[in-house]
PDB file of N, CA and C in Angstrom:
ATOM      1  N   MET A   1       0.853  -1.029   0.125  1.00  0.00           N
ATOM      2  CA  MET A   1       0.021   0.064   0.037  1.00  0.00           C
ATOM      3  C   MET A   1       0.913   1.609  -0.099  1.00  0.00           C
ATOM      4  N   PHE A   2       0.426   2.359  -0.702  1.00  0.00           N
ATOM      5  CA  PHE A   2       1.322   3.657  -0.616  1.00  0.00           C
ATOM      6  C   PHE A   2       0.395   4.706   0.243  1.00  0.00           C
ATOM      7  N   GLN A   3       0.948   5.828   0.329  1.00  0.00           N
ATOM      8  CA  GLN A   3       0.650   6.233   1.053  1.00  0.00           C
ATOM      9  C   GLN A   3       0.362   8.362   0.025  1.00  0.00           C
ATOM     10  N   LEU A   4      -0.401   8.666  -0.515  1.00  0.00           N
ATOM     11  CA  LEU A   4      -0.906   9.770  -1.479  1.00  0.00           C
ATOM     12  C   LEU A   4      -0.031  10.950  -0.509  1.00  0.00           C
ATOM     13  N   GLU A   5       1.072  11.466  -1.025  1.00  0.00           N
ATOM     14  CA  GLU A   5       1.319  12.641  -0.169  1.00  0.00           C
ATOM     15  C   GLU A   5       0.934  13.962  -1.039  1.00  0.00           C
ATOM     16  N   THR A   6       0.818  15.196  -0.050  1.00  0.00           N
ATOM     17  CA  THR A   6       0.187  16.020  -0.646  1.00  0.00           C
ATOM     18  C   THR A   6       1.344  17.083  -0.541  1.00  0.00           C
ATOM     19  N   ILE A   7       1.366  18.123  -1.383  1.00  0.00           N
ATOM     20  CA  ILE A   7       2.007  19.752  -0.504  1.00  0.00           C
ATOM     21  C   ILE A   7       1.301  21.164  -1.057  1.00  0.00           C
ATOM     22  N   SER A   8       1.409  21.813   0.056  1.00  0.00           N
ATOM     23  CA  SER A   8       0.775  23.282  -0.408  1.00  0.00           C
ATOM     24  C   SER A   8       1.317  23.633  -1.229  1.00  0.00           C
ATOM     25  N   ALA A   9       0.185  24.943  -1.985  1.00  0.00           N
ATOM     26  CA  ALA A   9       0.182  25.440  -2.918  1.00  0.00           C
ATOM     27  C   ALA A   9       1.552  26.417  -3.405  1.00  0.00           C
ATOM     28  N   LYS A  10       1.966  26.655  -1.872  1.00  0.00           N
ATOM     29  CA  LYS A  10       3.698  27.824  -1.692  1.00  0.00           C
ATOM     30  C   LYS A  10       4.402  26.588  -1.479  1.00  0.00           C
ATOM     31  N   MET A  11       4.245  25.266  -1.451  1.00  0.00           N
ATOM     32  CA  MET A  11       5.158  24.473  -1.925  1.00  0.00           C
ATOM     33  C   MET A  11       5.760  24.066  -3.057  1.00  0.00           C
ATOM     34  N   LEU A  12       4.871  24.576  -3.843  1.00  0.00           N
ATOM     35  CA  LEU A  12       4.802  24.276  -5.112  1.00  0.00           C
ATOM     36  C   LEU A  12       6.026  25.146  -5.699  1.00  0.00           C
ATOM     37  N   ASP A  13       5.904  26.231  -5.309  1.00  0.00           N
ATOM     38  CA  ASP A  13       6.777  26.938  -6.020  1.00  0.00           C
ATOM     39  C   ASP A  13       8.214  26.437  -5.915  1.00  0.00           C
ATOM     40  N   TYR A  14       8.718  25.574  -4.850  1.00  0.00           N
ATOM     41  CA  TYR A  14      10.236  24.589  -4.746  1.00  0.00           C
ATOM     42  C   TYR A  14      10.214  24.182  -5.700  1.00  0.00           C
ATOM     43  N   TYR A  15       9.245  23.062  -6.417  1.00  0.00           N
ATOM     44  CA  TYR A  15       9.401  22.735  -7.825  1.00  0.00           C
ATOM     45  C   TYR A  15       9.853  23.476  -8.864  1.00  0.00           C
ATOM     46  N   VAL A  16       9.059  24.279  -9.204  1.00  0.00           N
ATOM     47  CA  VAL A  16       9.345  24.835 -10.420  1.00  0.00           C
ATOM     48  C   VAL A  16      10.639  24.642 -10.402  1.00  0.00           C
ATOM     49  N   GLY A  17      10.588  24.513 -12.417  1.00  0.00           N
ATOM     50  CA  GLY A  17      12.165  24.607 -12.907  1.00  0.00           C
ATOM     51  C   GLY A  17      13.367  23.432 -12.083  1.00  0.00           C
ATOM     52  N   ARG A  18      12.703  22.443 -11.158  1.00  0.00           N
ATOM     53  CA  ARG A  18      13.808  21.599 -10.768  1.00  0.00           C
ATOM     54  C   ARG A  18      13.774  20.548 -11.775  1.00  0.00           C
ATOM     55  N   SER A  19      14.690  19.643 -11.964  1.00  0.00           N
ATOM     56  CA  SER A  19      15.027  19.060 -13.085  1.00  0.00           C
ATOM     57  C   SER A  19      13.981  17.453 -12.691  1.00  0.00           C
ATOM     58  N   ASP A  20      14.461  17.766 -11.384  1.00  0.00           N
ATOM     59  CA  ASP A  20      13.584  16.021 -10.836  1.00  0.00           C
ATOM     60  C   ASP A  20      12.332  16.448 -10.663  1.00  0.00           C
ATOM     61  N   ALA A  21      11.514  16.994 -11.213  1.00  0.00           N
ATOM     62  CA  ALA A  21      10.161  17.350 -11.050  1.00  0.00           C
ATOM     63  C   ALA A  21       9.753  17.730 -12.707  1.00  0.00           C
ATOM     64  N   LEU A  22       8.201  17.320 -12.660  1.00  0.00           N
ATOM     65  CA  LEU A  22       7.516  17.591 -13.739  1.00  0.00           C
ATOM     66  C   LEU A  22       6.039  18.070 -12.950  1.00  0.00           C
ATOM     67  N   ILE A  23       5.990  19.368 -13.136  1.00  0.00           N
ATOM     68  CA  ILE A  23       4.663  20.198 -13.195  1.00  0.00           C
ATOM     69  C   ILE A  23       3.493  20.325 -13.754  1.00  0.00           C
ATOM     70  N   ILE A  24       2.376  19.445 -13.516  1.00  0.00           N
ATOM     71  CA  ILE A  24       1.148  18.926 -14.812  1.00  0.00           C
ATOM     72  C   ILE A  24       0.491  19.684 -13.979  1.00  0.00           C
ATOM     73  N   ASP A  25      -0.471  20.700 -14.794  1.00  0.00           N
ATOM     74  CA  ASP A  25      -1.533  21.463 -14.851  1.00  0.00           C
ATOM     75  C   ASP A  25      -2.377  20.368 -15.390  1.00  0.00           C
ATOM     76  N   LEU A  26      -3.577  20.020 -15.511  1.00  0.00           N
ATOM     77  CA  LEU A  26      -4.688  18.764 -15.233  1.00  0.00           C
ATOM     78  C   LEU A  26      -5.989  19.790 -15.929  1.00  0.00           C
ATOM     79  N   ARG A  27      -5.966  20.488 -15.977  1.00  0.00           N
ATOM     80  CA  ARG A  27      -7.297  21.783 -16.279  1.00  0.00           C
ATOM     81  C   ARG A  27      -6.999  21.769 -17.771  1.00  0.00           C
ATOM     82  N   ASP A  28      -8.236  21.925 -18.090  1.00  0.00           N
ATOM     83  CA  ASP A  28      -8.746  22.048 -19.781  1.00  0.00           C
ATOM     84  C   ASP A  28      -7.304  23.611 -20.424  1.00  0.00           C
ATOM     85  N   ARG A  29      -7.396  23.054 -21.704  1.00  0.00           N
ATOM     86  CA  ARG A  29      -6.461  24.144 -22.250  1.00  0.00           C
ATOM     87  C   ARG A  29      -6.920  25.136 -22.121  1.00  0.00           C
ATOM     88  N   GLU A  30      -8.199  26.315 -22.417  1.00  0.00           N
ATOM     89  CA  GLU A  30      -8.178  27.097 -22.108  1.00  0.00           C
ATOM     90  C   GLU A  30      -7.948  27.658 -20.325  1.00  0.00           C
ATOM     91  N   ALA A  31      -8.077  27.065 -19.401  1.00  0.00           N
ATOM     92  CA  ALA A  31      -7.562  27.933 -18.497  1.00  0.00           C
ATOM     93  C   ALA A  31      -6.200  27.316 -18.495  1.00  0.00           C
ATOM     94  N   TYR A  32      -5.638  26.366 -18.582  1.00  0.00           N
ATOM     95  CA  TYR A  32      -4.217  26.380 -18.852  1.00  0.00           C
ATOM     96  C   TYR A  32      -3.737  28.061 -19.635  1.00  0.00           C
ATOM     97  N   GLU A  33      -3.820  28.381 -20.386  1.00  0.00           N
ATOM     98  CA  GLU A  33      -3.750  29.341 -21.072  1.00  0.00           C
ATOM     99  C   GLU A  33      -4.177  30.612 -21.069  1.00  0.00           C
ATOM    100  N   SER A  34      -4.714  30.737 -19.592  1.00  0.00           N
ATOM    101  CA  SER A  34      -5.332  31.962 -19.392  1.00  0.00           C
ATOM    102  C   SER A  34      -4.803  32.104 -18.077  1.00  0.00           C
ATOM    103  N   GLY A  35      -3.404  31.129 -17.713  1.00  0.00           N
ATOM    104  CA  GLY A  35      -2.122  31.351 -16.483  1.00  0.00           C
ATOM    105  C   GLY A  35      -2.384  30.128 -15.858  1.00  0.00           C
ATOM    106  N   HIS A  36      -1.275  30.098 -15.164  1.00  0.00           N
ATOM    107  CA  HIS A  36      -0.811  28.450 -14.803  1.00  0.00           C
ATOM    108  C   HIS A  36       0.698  28.599 -14.047  1.00  0.00           C
ATOM    109  N   VAL A  37       1.247  27.816 -13.225  1.00  0.00           N
ATOM    110  CA  VAL A  37       2.218  27.863 -12.897  1.00  0.00           C
ATOM    111  C   VAL A  37       3.507  27.765 -13.828  1.00  0.00           C
ATOM    112  N   ARG A  38       4.499  28.440 -13.382  1.00  0.00           N
ATOM    113  CA  ARG A  38       5.502  28.850 -14.333  1.00  0.00           C
ATOM    114  C   ARG A  38       6.228  27.213 -14.672  1.00  0.00           C
ATOM    115  N   THR A  39       6.306  26.793 -15.391  1.00  0.00           N
ATOM    116  CA  THR A  39       6.996  25.477 -15.921  1.00  0.00           C
ATOM    117  C   THR A  39       6.216  24.167 -15.953  1.00  0.00           C
ATOM    118  N   ALA A  40       4.958  24.525 -15.838  1.00  0.00           N
ATOM    119  CA  ALA A  40       4.045  23.161 -15.767  1.00  0.00           C
ATOM    120  C   ALA A  40       3.861  23.297 -17.106  1.00  0.00           C
ATOM    121  N   VAL A  41       3.405  22.175 -17.542  1.00  0.00           N
ATOM    122  CA  VAL A  41       3.006  21.394 -18.804  1.00  0.00           C
ATOM    123  C   VAL A  41       1.333  20.807 -18.368  1.00  0.00           C
ATOM    124  N   ASN A  42       0.823  21.024 -19.703  1.00  0.00           N
ATOM    125  CA  ASN A  42      -1.096  20.986 -19.614  1.00  0.00           C
ATOM    126  C   ASN A  42      -1.357  19.600 -20.642  1.00  0.00           C
ATOM    127  N   VAL A  43      -1.658  18.898 -19.215  1.00  0.00           N
ATOM    128  CA  VAL A  43      -2.255  17.808 -19.672  1.00  0.00           C
ATOM    129  C   VAL A  43      -3.708  16.973 -18.993  1.00  0.00           C
ATOM    130  N   PRO A  44      -4.943  17.855 -19.802  1.00  0.00           N
ATOM    131  CA  PRO A  44      -5.921  17.281 -18.748  1.00  0.00           C
ATOM    132  C   PRO A  44      -6.164  16.115 -18.528  1.00  0.00           C
ATOM    133  N   TYR A  45      -7.036  16.195 -17.638  1.00  0.00           N
ATOM    134  CA  TYR A  45      -7.265  15.331 -17.355  1.00  0.00           C
ATOM    135  C   TYR A  45      -8.403  14.530 -17.823  1.00  0.00           C
ATOM    136  N   ALA A  46      -8.961  14.958 -18.915  1.00  0.00           N
ATOM    137  CA  ALA A  46     -10.007  14.207 -19.897  1.00  0.00           C
ATOM    138  C   ALA A  46      -8.863  13.177 -20.797  1.00  0.00           C
ATOM    139  N   GLU A  47      -7.892  14.208 -21.056  1.00  0.00           N
ATOM    140  CA  GLU A  47      -6.806  13.358 -21.761  1.00  0.00           C
ATOM    141  C   GLU A  47      -5.681  12.333 -21.167  1.00  0.00           C
ATOM    142  N   LEU A  48      -5.739  12.138 -19.698  1.00  0.00           N
ATOM    143  CA  LEU A  48      -4.406  11.799 -18.753  1.00  0.00           C
ATOM    144  C   LEU A  48      -4.306  10.307 -18.725  1.00  0.00           C
ATOM    145  N   GLU A  49      -5.504   9.204 -19.498  1.00  0.00           N
ATOM    146  CA  GLU A  49      -5.049   7.980 -19.169  1.00  0.00           C
ATOM    147  C   GLU A  49      -4.292   7.920 -20.870  1.00  0.00           C
ATOM    148  N   GLU A  50      -4.490   8.725 -21.901  1.00  0.00           N
ATOM    149  CA  GLU A  50      -4.011   7.988 -22.944  1.00  0.00           C
ATOM    150  C   GLU A  50      -2.270   8.749 -23.235  1.00  0.00           C
ATOM    151  N   LYS A  51      -1.843   9.806 -22.052  1.00  0.00           N
ATOM    152  CA  LYS A  51      -0.702  10.372 -22.086  1.00  0.00           C
ATOM    153  C   LYS A  51       0.253   9.617 -20.667  1.00  0.00           C
ATOM    154  N   MET A  52       0.037   8.202 -20.479  1.00  0.00           N
ATOM    155  CA  MET A  52       0.858   8.118 -19.629  1.00  0.00           C
ATOM    156  C   MET A  52       2.438   7.610 -19.594  1.00  0.00           C
ATOM    157  N   ASP A  53       3.065   8.068 -20.563  1.00  0.00           N
ATOM    158  CA  ASP A  53       4.094   7.754 -20.441  1.00  0.00           C
ATOM    159  C   ASP A  53       5.543   8.871 -19.965  1.00  0.00           C
ATOM    160  N   PHE A  54       5.071   9.528 -18.408  1.00  0.00           N
ATOM    161  CA  PHE A  54       6.047  10.417 -18.007  1.00  0.00           C
ATOM    162  C   PHE A  54       6.962   9.683 -17.597  1.00  0.00           C
ATOM    163  N   PRO A  55       8.218  10.051 -17.370  1.00  0.00           N
ATOM    164  CA  PRO A  55       9.379  10.012 -17.060  1.00  0.00           C
ATOM    165  C   PRO A  55       9.690   8.969 -15.699  1.00  0.00           C
ATOM    166  N   LYS A  56       9.860   8.134 -15.563  1.00  0.00           N
ATOM    167  CA  LYS A  56       9.875   7.398 -14.083  1.00  0.00           C
ATOM    168  C   LYS A  56      10.533   8.211 -12.591  1.00  0.00           C
ATOM    169  N   ALA A  57      12.107   8.953 -13.861  1.00  0.00           N
ATOM    170  CA  ALA A  57      13.045   9.323 -12.687  1.00  0.00           C
ATOM    171  C   ALA A  57      12.293  10.553 -12.174  1.00  0.00           C
ATOM    172  N   LYS A  58      11.857  11.230 -12.603  1.00  0.00           N
ATOM    173  CA  LYS A  58      11.006  12.551 -12.276  1.00  0.00           C
ATOM    174  C   LYS A  58       9.406  12.498 -11.135  1.00  0.00           C
ATOM    175  N   THR A  59       9.496  13.194 -10.078  1.00  0.00           N
ATOM    176  CA  THR A  59       8.531  13.501  -9.233  1.00  0.00           C
ATOM    177  C   THR A  59       6.998  13.965 -10.198  1.00  0.00           C
ATOM    178  N   LEU A  60       6.473  13.262  -9.750  1.00  0.00           N
ATOM    179  CA  LEU A  60       5.131  14.285 -11.021  1.00  0.00           C
ATOM    180  C   LEU A  60       4.207  15.263  -9.855  1.00  0.00           C
ATOM    181  N   ILE A  61       4.296  16.000 -10.135  1.00  0.00           N
ATOM    182  CA  ILE A  61       3.822  16.893  -9.587  1.00  0.00           C
ATOM    183  C   ILE A  61       2.293  17.715  -9.863  1.00  0.00           C
ATOM    184  N   PHE A  62       1.228  17.187  -9.562  1.00  0.00           N
ATOM    185  CA  PHE A  62       0.038  17.376 -10.196  1.00  0.00           C
ATOM    186  C   PHE A  62      -0.886  18.459  -9.153  1.00  0.00           C
ATOM    187  N   TYR A  63      -1.582  19.544 -10.116  1.00  0.00           N
ATOM    188  CA  TYR A  63      -2.516  20.520  -9.995  1.00  0.00           C
ATOM    189  C   TYR A  63      -3.706  20.647 -10.918  1.00  0.00           C
ATOM    190  N   CYS A  64      -5.052  20.809 -10.529  1.00  0.00           N
ATOM    191  CA  CYS A  64      -6.441  21.104 -11.108  1.00  0.00           C
ATOM    192  C   CYS A  64      -6.770  22.185 -10.519  1.00  0.00           C
ATOM    193  N   ASP A  65      -7.951  22.722 -10.515  1.00  0.00           N
ATOM    194  CA  ASP A  65      -8.882  23.629 -10.253  1.00  0.00           C
ATOM    195  C   ASP A  65      -8.708  24.073  -8.444  1.00  0.00           C
ATOM    196  N   ARG A  66      -9.113  23.003  -8.218  1.00  0.00           N
ATOM    197  CA  ARG A  66      -9.339  22.911  -6.775  1.00  0.00           C
ATOM    198  C   ARG A  66      -8.942  21.366  -6.331  1.00  0.00           C
ATOM    199  N   GLY A  67      -8.000  21.081  -6.714  1.00  0.00           N
ATOM    200  CA  GLY A  67      -7.244  19.304  -5.817  1.00  0.00           C
ATOM    201  C   GLY A  67      -8.092  18.230  -5.997  1.00  0.00           C
ATOM    202  N   GLY A  68      -8.951  18.256  -6.776  1.00  0.00           N
ATOM    203  CA  GLY A  68      -9.771  16.847  -6.655  1.00  0.00           C
ATOM    204  C   GLY A  68      -9.233  16.247  -8.045  1.00  0.00           C
ATOM    205  N   ALA A  69      -9.577  16.816  -8.775  1.00  0.00           N
ATOM    206  CA  ALA A  69      -8.769  16.103  -9.778  1.00  0.00           C
ATOM    207  C   ALA A  69      -7.171  15.425  -9.494  1.00  0.00           C
ATOM    208  N   SER A  70      -6.456  16.486  -9.366  1.00  0.00           N
ATOM    209  CA  SER A  70      -5.104  16.503  -9.041  1.00  0.00           C
ATOM    210  C   SER A  70      -4.793  15.315  -7.796  1.00  0.00           C
ATOM    211  N   MET A  71      -5.643  15.045  -7.137  1.00  0.00           N
ATOM    212  CA  MET A  71      -5.508  13.817  -6.197  1.00  0.00           C
ATOM    213  C   MET A  71      -5.825  11.981  -6.766  1.00  0.00           C
ATOM    214  N   ALA A  72      -7.021  12.421  -7.757  1.00  0.00           N
ATOM    215  CA  ALA A  72      -7.043  11.178  -8.210  1.00  0.00           C
ATOM    216  C   ALA A  72      -5.634  10.734  -9.193  1.00  0.00           C
ATOM    217  N   ALA A  73      -5.847  11.511  -9.444  1.00  0.00           N
ATOM    218  CA  ALA A  73      -4.461  11.534 -10.711  1.00  0.00           C
ATOM    219  C   ALA A  73      -3.160  11.175  -9.727  1.00  0.00           C
ATOM    220  N   ALA A  74      -2.975  11.419  -8.751  1.00  0.00           N
ATOM    221  CA  ALA A  74      -1.700  11.460  -8.052  1.00  0.00           C
ATOM    222  C   ALA A  74      -2.014  10.305  -7.819  1.00  0.00           C
ATOM    223  N   ARG A  75      -2.670   9.285  -7.050  1.00  0.00           N
ATOM    224  CA  ARG A  75      -2.968   8.380  -6.746  1.00  0.00           C
ATOM    225  C   ARG A  75      -3.024   6.649  -7.463  1.00  0.00           C
ATOM    226  N   GLN A  76      -3.606   7.220  -9.037  1.00  0.00           N
ATOM    227  CA  GLN A  76      -3.389   6.684 -10.209  1.00  0.00           C
ATOM    228  C   GLN A  76      -2.121   6.609 -10.818  1.00  0.00           C
ATOM    229  N   LEU A  77      -1.465   6.884 -10.446  1.00  0.00           N
ATOM    230  CA  LEU A  77      -0.178   6.901 -10.726  1.00  0.00           C
ATOM    231  C   LEU A  77       1.130   6.540 -10.019  1.00  0.00           C
ATOM    232  N   ALA A  78       0.969   6.902  -8.991  1.00  0.00           N
ATOM    233  CA  ALA A  78       1.307   6.563  -7.630  1.00  0.00           C
ATOM    234  C   ALA A  78       1.164   4.746  -7.833  1.00  0.00           C
ATOM    235  N   ARG A  79       0.324   4.105  -8.076  1.00  0.00           N
ATOM    236  CA  ARG A  79      -0.251   2.627  -8.516  1.00  0.00           C
ATOM    237  C   ARG A  79       1.004   1.801  -9.230  1.00  0.00           C
ATOM    238  N   MET A  80       1.060   3.203 -10.662  1.00  0.00           N
ATOM    239  CA  MET A  80       1.467   2.228 -11.392  1.00  0.00           C
ATOM    240  C   MET A  80       3.139   2.509 -10.913  1.00  0.00           C
ATOM    241  N   GLY A  81       3.802   3.227 -10.063  1.00  0.00           N
ATOM    242  CA  GLY A  81       5.006   3.352  -9.556  1.00  0.00           C
ATOM    243  C   GLY A  81       6.115   4.552  -9.698  1.00  0.00           C
ATOM    244  N   TYR A  82       4.751   5.802 -10.220  1.00  0.00           N
ATOM    245  CA  TYR A  82       6.031   7.029 -10.188  1.00  0.00           C
ATOM    246  C   TYR A  82       5.676   7.409  -8.844  1.00  0.00           C
ATOM    247  N   ARG A  83       6.315   8.586  -8.440  1.00  0.00           N
ATOM    248  CA  ARG A  83       6.342   9.281  -7.432  1.00  0.00           C
ATOM    249  C   ARG A  83       5.838  10.592  -7.604  1.00  0.00           C
ATOM    250  N   THR A  84       4.443  10.706  -6.491  1.00  0.00           N
ATOM    251  CA  THR A  84       3.456  11.847  -7.152  1.00  0.00           C
ATOM    252  C   THR A  84       3.212  13.114  -5.938  1.00  0.00           C
ATOM    253  N   ARG A  85       3.285  13.464  -5.983  1.00  0.00           N
ATOM    254  CA  ARG A  85       2.384  14.619  -5.382  1.00  0.00           C
ATOM    255  C   ARG A  85       1.165  15.115  -6.097  1.00  0.00           C
ATOM    256  N   SER A  86       0.552  15.632  -4.900  1.00  0.00           N
ATOM    257  CA  SER A  86      -0.917  16.549  -5.220  1.00  0.00           C
ATOM    258  C   SER A  86      -0.863  18.029  -4.518  1.00  0.00           C
ATOM    259  N   VAL A  87      -1.297  18.955  -4.968  1.00  0.00           N
ATOM    260  CA  VAL A  87      -1.215  19.859  -4.575  1.00  0.00           C
ATOM    261  C   VAL A  87      -2.470  20.336  -4.129  1.00  0.00           C
ATOM    262  N   ILE A  88      -2.992  20.489  -2.423  1.00  0.00           N
ATOM    263  CA  ILE A  88      -3.526  20.686  -1.928  1.00  0.00           C
ATOM    264  C   ILE A  88      -4.738  22.166  -2.508  1.00  0.00           C
ATOM    265  N   GLY A  89      -5.782  22.049  -2.858  1.00  0.00           N
ATOM    266  CA  GLY A  89      -6.377  23.808  -3.186  1.00  0.00           C
ATOM    267  C   GLY A  89      -6.421  23.805  -4.506  1.00  0.00           C
ATOM    268  N   GLY A  90      -5.304  23.473  -5.105  1.00  0.00           N
ATOM    269  CA  GLY A  90      -5.197  23.543  -6.476  1.00  0.00           C
ATOM    270  C   GLY A  90      -4.833  24.984  -6.694  1.00  0.00           C
ATOM    271  N   PHE A  91      -5.296  25.079  -7.935  1.00  0.00           N
ATOM    272  CA  PHE A  91      -4.473  26.418  -8.728  1.00  0.00           C
ATOM    273  C   PHE A  91      -5.571  27.626  -8.192  1.00  0.00           C
ATOM    274  N   GLU A  92      -6.380  27.199  -7.779  1.00  0.00           N
ATOM    275  CA  GLU A  92      -7.637  28.495  -6.555  1.00  0.00           C
ATOM    276  C   GLU A  92      -6.419  28.416  -5.831  1.00  0.00           C
ATOM    277  N   ALA A  93      -5.741  27.854  -4.945  1.00  0.00           N
ATOM    278  CA  ALA A  93      -5.047  28.402  -3.950  1.00  0.00           C
ATOM    279  C   ALA A  93      -3.740  28.736  -4.302  1.00  0.00           C
ATOM    280  N   TYR A  94      -3.426  28.083  -4.703  1.00  0.00           N
ATOM    281  CA  TYR A  94      -2.009  28.919  -5.829  1.00  0.00           C
ATOM    282  C   TYR A  94      -2.140  30.862  -5.960  1.00  0.00           C
ATOM    283  N   ARG A  95      -2.976  30.477  -6.422  1.00  0.00           N
ATOM    284  CA  ARG A  95      -3.573  31.787  -7.352  1.00  0.00           C
ATOM    285  C   ARG A  95      -3.955  32.728  -6.112  1.00  0.00           C
ATOM    286  N   GLY A  96      -4.682  32.291  -5.213  1.00  0.00           N
ATOM    287  CA  GLY A  96      -4.578  32.997  -4.156  1.00  0.00           C
ATOM    288  C   GLY A  96      -3.510  33.846  -3.079  1.00  0.00           C
ATOM    289  N   ARG A  97      -2.589  32.893  -3.693  1.00  0.00           N
ATOM    290  CA  ARG A  97      -1.202  33.330  -2.545  1.00  0.00           C
ATOM    291  C   ARG A  97      -0.494  34.018  -2.960  1.00  0.00           C
ATOM    292  N   ASN A  98      -0.874  34.835  -4.596  1.00  0.00           N
ATOM    293  CA  ASN A  98      -0.080  35.374  -5.698  1.00  0.00           C
ATOM    294  C   ASN A  98       1.166  34.885  -5.956  1.00  0.00           C
ATOM    295  N   LEU A  99       1.278  33.737  -6.057  1.00  0.00           N
ATOM    296  CA  LEU A  99       2.631  33.109  -6.178  1.00  0.00           C
ATOM    297  C   LEU A  99       2.592  33.145  -8.066  1.00  0.00           C
ATOM    298  N   VAL A 100       4.273  32.885  -8.195  1.00  0.00           N
ATOM    299  CA  VAL A 100       4.462  33.022  -9.917  1.00  0.00           C
ATOM    300  C   VAL A 100       3.616  32.168 -11.012  1.00  0.00           C
ATOM    301  N   ILE A 101       2.825  33.001 -11.441  1.00  0.00           N
ATOM    302  CA  ILE A 101       1.853  32.769 -12.659  1.00  0.00           C
ATOM    303  C   ILE A 101       2.068  32.984 -13.692  1.00  0.00           C
ATOM    304  N   SER A 102       2.417  31.926 -14.986  1.00  0.00           N
ATOM    305  CA  SER A 102       2.755  32.490 -16.326  1.00  0.00           C
ATOM    306  C   SER A 102       1.555  32.508 -17.531  1.00  0.00           C
ATOM    307  N   ARG A 103       1.812  33.242 -18.163  1.00  0.00           N
ATOM    308  CA  ARG A 103       0.653  32.962 -19.703  1.00  0.00           C
ATOM    309  C   ARG A 103       1.275  33.036 -20.539  1.00  0.00           C
ATOM    310  N   GLU A 104       2.866  32.218 -20.322  1.00  0.00           N
ATOM    311  CA  GLU A 104       3.360  31.586 -21.351  1.00  0.00           C
ATOM    312  C   GLU A 104       2.992  30.068 -22.097  1.00  0.00           C
ATOM    313  N   PRO A 105       3.285  29.748 -23.266  1.00  0.00           N
ATOM    314  CA  PRO A 105       3.033  28.265 -23.226  1.00  0.00           C
ATOM    315  C   PRO A 105       3.900  27.548 -22.834  1.00  0.00           C
TER     316      PRO A 105
END
């Protein structure tokens, strides 16, 4: 059995730009393009199952709007042997802290 690891929105900035982590935005493309965590890649939750070829050497950091989808994704990939984290409160919590948000692809 595994334990799902969560991180706070504030802790998310620790992973931005790290070579050993991949930040994954699970929101739809429109939401991603309107603003996202710097260095995050967009893999909408609805498309996650067809894109499960993430690098095993990296810790996968998932976030969505409020945290529900990222918890499910992190749990699913952890069962497959990935190291995962889910952001508590999702992008809403991150944006509420006025942290680094990008509008670049």
